[in-house]
Protein backbone atom coordinates (compact mmCIF):
# COMPACT_ATOMS: atom_id res chain seq x y z
CA UNK A 1 212.73 -188.91 -66.88
CA UNK A 2 209.99 -190.72 -68.46
CA UNK A 3 208.08 -189.84 -72.36
CA UNK A 4 205.57 -188.84 -69.91
CA UNK A 5 206.72 -185.83 -68.99
CA UNK A 6 207.88 -185.02 -72.83
CA UNK A 7 204.25 -185.43 -73.89
CA UNK A 8 202.90 -183.69 -71.94
CA UNK A 9 205.24 -180.35 -71.89
CA UNK A 10 204.22 -181.22 -75.97
CA UNK A 11 200.95 -181.00 -75.46
CA UNK A 12 201.24 -176.79 -73.71
CA UNK A 13 200.71 -176.07 -77.92
CA UNK A 14 197.30 -177.43 -77.43
CA UNK A 15 194.75 -180.11 -78.21
CA UNK A 16 196.75 -182.37 -80.84
CA UNK A 17 195.90 -185.63 -82.22
CA UNK A 18 198.65 -188.69 -81.69
CA UNK A 19 199.84 -188.47 -85.36
CA UNK A 20 199.88 -184.55 -84.83
CA UNK A 21 201.87 -184.99 -81.47
CA UNK A 22 204.28 -187.47 -83.51
CA UNK A 23 205.27 -184.87 -85.87
CA UNK A 24 205.94 -182.70 -82.97
CA UNK A 25 208.23 -185.26 -81.40
CA UNK A 26 209.77 -185.88 -84.80
CA UNK A 27 210.40 -182.06 -85.65
CA UNK A 28 211.10 -180.74 -82.08
CA UNK A 29 212.03 -183.25 -79.26
CA UNK A 30 213.50 -185.95 -81.58
CA UNK A 31 217.02 -184.42 -80.21
CA UNK A 32 216.63 -184.93 -76.93
CA UNK A 33 213.76 -187.34 -76.33
CA UNK A 34 212.94 -189.60 -79.18
CA UNK A 35 209.70 -191.60 -79.38
CA UNK A 36 208.10 -193.82 -81.62
CA UNK A 37 204.68 -193.62 -82.88
CA UNK A 38 203.96 -196.30 -80.95
CA UNK A 39 205.67 -195.36 -77.88
CA UNK A 40 203.61 -192.15 -78.21
CA UNK A 41 200.48 -193.51 -78.53
CA UNK A 42 200.63 -196.32 -75.34
CA UNK A 43 201.87 -192.77 -73.49
CA UNK A 44 198.49 -191.35 -74.46
CA UNK A 45 196.51 -193.80 -73.43
CA UNK A 46 198.13 -194.10 -69.78
CA UNK A 47 198.34 -190.65 -69.25
CA UNK A 48 194.60 -190.41 -69.99
CA UNK A 49 193.61 -192.98 -67.58
CA UNK A 50 195.49 -191.28 -65.34
CA UNK A 51 193.55 -188.08 -65.92
CA UNK A 52 196.16 -186.00 -66.76
CA UNK A 53 195.64 -185.31 -70.45
CA UNK A 54 191.55 -185.75 -71.66
CA UNK A 55 190.59 -187.01 -75.36
CA UNK A 56 187.76 -186.12 -77.41
CA UNK A 57 187.12 -187.84 -80.51
CA UNK A 58 186.03 -185.38 -83.57
CA UNK A 59 184.05 -187.36 -86.37
CA UNK A 60 185.63 -186.84 -90.28
CA UNK A 61 184.03 -187.17 -93.36
CA UNK A 62 186.09 -190.15 -95.86
CA UNK A 63 188.23 -190.38 -92.59
CA UNK A 64 188.30 -192.33 -89.11
CA UNK A 65 187.05 -190.45 -86.05
CA UNK A 66 190.22 -188.62 -84.98
CA UNK A 67 191.06 -188.36 -80.83
CA UNK A 68 192.25 -185.09 -79.82
CA UNK A 69 193.95 -184.72 -76.78
CA UNK A 70 194.62 -181.90 -74.21
CA UNK A 71 196.34 -181.41 -70.87
CA UNK A 72 193.84 -181.08 -67.90
CA UNK A 73 194.23 -179.19 -64.68
CA UNK A 74 195.83 -181.89 -62.89
CA UNK A 75 198.39 -182.54 -66.15
CA UNK A 76 199.61 -178.86 -65.85
CA UNK A 77 199.65 -178.82 -62.32
CA UNK A 78 202.17 -182.48 -62.11
CA UNK A 79 204.65 -181.03 -65.47
CA UNK A 80 204.69 -177.99 -63.47
CA UNK A 81 205.66 -179.44 -59.93
CA UNK A 82 208.48 -181.26 -62.41
CA UNK A 83 209.63 -178.39 -64.12
CA UNK A 84 210.70 -176.92 -60.51
CA UNK A 85 212.29 -180.18 -59.58
CA UNK A 86 216.56 -180.26 -59.69
CA UNK A 87 217.46 -182.34 -62.83
CA UNK A 88 218.82 -185.08 -61.10
CA UNK A 89 221.84 -185.81 -62.73
CA UNK A 90 223.79 -184.08 -66.23
CA UNK A 91 223.20 -185.14 -69.36
CA UNK A 92 225.19 -188.22 -70.69
CA UNK A 93 225.66 -189.11 -74.42
CA UNK A 94 225.53 -192.71 -75.39
CA UNK A 95 225.76 -192.57 -79.09
CA UNK A 96 226.85 -196.04 -81.25
CA UNK A 97 228.61 -193.73 -83.98
CA UNK A 98 231.44 -192.01 -80.95
CA UNK A 99 232.49 -195.73 -79.83
CA UNK A 100 233.29 -196.36 -83.61
CA UNK A 101 235.10 -193.00 -84.12
CA UNK A 102 236.81 -194.42 -80.74
CA UNK A 103 237.50 -197.67 -82.68
CA UNK A 104 238.94 -196.13 -85.92
CA UNK A 105 242.26 -196.73 -85.79
CA UNK A 106 242.88 -199.46 -88.14
CA UNK A 107 239.79 -198.89 -90.67
CA UNK A 108 239.90 -198.23 -94.10
CA UNK A 109 239.88 -194.74 -94.32
CA UNK A 110 236.57 -194.88 -97.13
CA UNK A 111 235.05 -196.18 -95.04
CA UNK A 112 235.38 -194.43 -91.80
CA UNK A 113 234.90 -190.64 -94.56
CA UNK A 114 231.66 -192.59 -95.50
CA UNK A 115 230.41 -192.67 -91.88
CA UNK A 116 231.23 -189.45 -91.14
CA UNK A 117 229.77 -188.04 -93.76
CA UNK A 118 226.64 -190.02 -92.93
CA UNK A 119 226.63 -188.20 -89.61
CA UNK A 120 227.17 -184.77 -91.22
CA UNK A 121 224.44 -185.36 -93.97
CA UNK A 122 222.08 -186.19 -90.81
CA UNK A 123 223.32 -183.13 -88.66
CA UNK A 124 222.56 -180.71 -91.69
CA UNK A 125 219.24 -181.59 -92.27
CA UNK A 126 218.21 -181.95 -88.81
CA UNK A 127 219.77 -178.26 -88.70
CA UNK A 128 217.38 -177.30 -92.19
CA UNK A 129 214.48 -178.41 -90.02
CA UNK A 130 214.96 -176.96 -87.36
CA UNK A 131 215.95 -173.59 -88.72
CA UNK A 132 212.36 -173.88 -90.82
CA UNK A 133 210.86 -174.81 -87.59
CA UNK A 134 212.73 -170.74 -85.82
CA UNK A 135 211.18 -168.83 -89.03
CA UNK A 136 207.79 -170.61 -88.53
CA UNK A 137 207.95 -169.62 -84.66
CA UNK A 138 209.30 -165.94 -85.27
CA UNK A 139 206.46 -165.39 -88.04
CA UNK A 140 208.11 -162.08 -89.06
CA UNK A 141 209.47 -160.80 -85.72
CA UNK A 142 213.43 -160.75 -84.91
CA UNK A 143 214.49 -163.28 -82.19
CA UNK A 144 214.31 -160.48 -79.36
CA UNK A 145 211.18 -159.77 -80.40
CA UNK A 146 210.06 -162.99 -79.93
CA UNK A 147 211.68 -163.64 -76.81
CA UNK A 148 210.42 -160.48 -75.46
CA UNK A 149 207.18 -160.43 -76.40
CA UNK A 150 205.79 -163.94 -76.79
CA UNK A 151 203.66 -166.21 -74.57
CA UNK A 152 205.55 -168.66 -74.12
CA UNK A 153 209.79 -168.78 -74.69
CA UNK A 154 210.27 -172.23 -73.89
CA UNK A 155 209.75 -173.93 -77.29
CA UNK A 156 212.13 -171.60 -78.79
CA UNK A 157 214.74 -171.57 -76.17
CA UNK A 158 214.96 -175.89 -76.67
CA UNK A 159 214.95 -175.29 -80.51
CA UNK A 160 218.16 -172.83 -80.01
CA UNK A 161 219.22 -175.91 -78.22
CA UNK A 162 218.86 -178.25 -80.46
CA UNK A 163 220.36 -175.76 -83.18
CA UNK A 164 223.46 -175.88 -81.63
CA UNK A 165 223.51 -178.78 -80.83
CA UNK A 166 223.48 -179.96 -84.93
CA UNK A 167 225.86 -177.32 -86.23
CA UNK A 168 228.33 -178.52 -83.64
CA UNK A 169 227.90 -181.96 -84.50
CA UNK A 170 227.90 -181.03 -88.50
CA UNK A 171 231.72 -178.64 -87.46
CA UNK A 172 233.02 -181.73 -85.48
CA UNK A 173 232.22 -183.70 -88.76
CA UNK A 174 233.83 -181.13 -91.26
CA UNK A 175 237.40 -181.30 -88.29
CA UNK A 176 237.29 -184.94 -88.55
CA UNK A 177 237.33 -185.22 -92.39
CA UNK A 178 240.30 -182.09 -92.18
CA UNK A 179 241.80 -184.70 -90.05
CA UNK A 180 241.35 -187.75 -92.29
CA UNK A 181 242.65 -185.76 -95.06
CA UNK A 182 246.27 -184.52 -93.32
CA UNK A 183 247.03 -188.21 -92.07
CA UNK A 184 249.35 -190.01 -93.58
CA UNK A 185 249.54 -193.90 -93.08
CA UNK A 186 252.11 -195.53 -90.82
CA UNK A 187 255.13 -197.55 -92.66
CA UNK A 188 254.51 -201.48 -92.55
CA UNK A 189 251.71 -203.70 -94.35
CA UNK A 190 249.32 -200.51 -94.91
CA UNK A 191 251.53 -199.32 -97.32
CA UNK A 192 254.89 -197.41 -97.31
CA UNK A 193 255.34 -194.17 -95.03
CA UNK A 194 254.40 -191.07 -96.39
CA UNK A 195 251.66 -192.45 -98.34
CA UNK A 196 248.35 -190.64 -98.13
CA UNK A 197 245.26 -192.61 -96.60
CA UNK A 198 242.76 -192.78 -98.99
């Protein structure tokens, strides 16, 4: 899948500037389709050139003129066709951190702990942001009310996937930290048998 469809899907929320879209990506889509602001701006220009979105300019006092982007009918049709297609392959995780975990044996335990604690902190930070977005989407309603009555439920269901993912990330990190606390050094140059690591 290309960034194109992620941008079209983000514009389902309504007209937005490039800056506003970068914030949407940062909060809502970064967990599963990250993009830099530069990538977003280039994609917006391509989509406008292809007639899938349109741009209008809005003059602002004491600020540069703002460009607002919205979906065209052709963009909606193409996004709908994409959404109905079978997914080509299951998700594959490519994570540098997990390669480090695979190779952690022999690394100083305190260094491994620091890496895991950093990953846990990131997960909890993203989870806190996602929970704020969740409260904004619910706007005082229960989850059941929102899912039953809202015009669109896709953004909320996607957000739930992000919340679940980061909760599991944090839980896994806590498990790794517990394992590191319980492990003992082998006999030999690393220290006498039975000596706790770190």
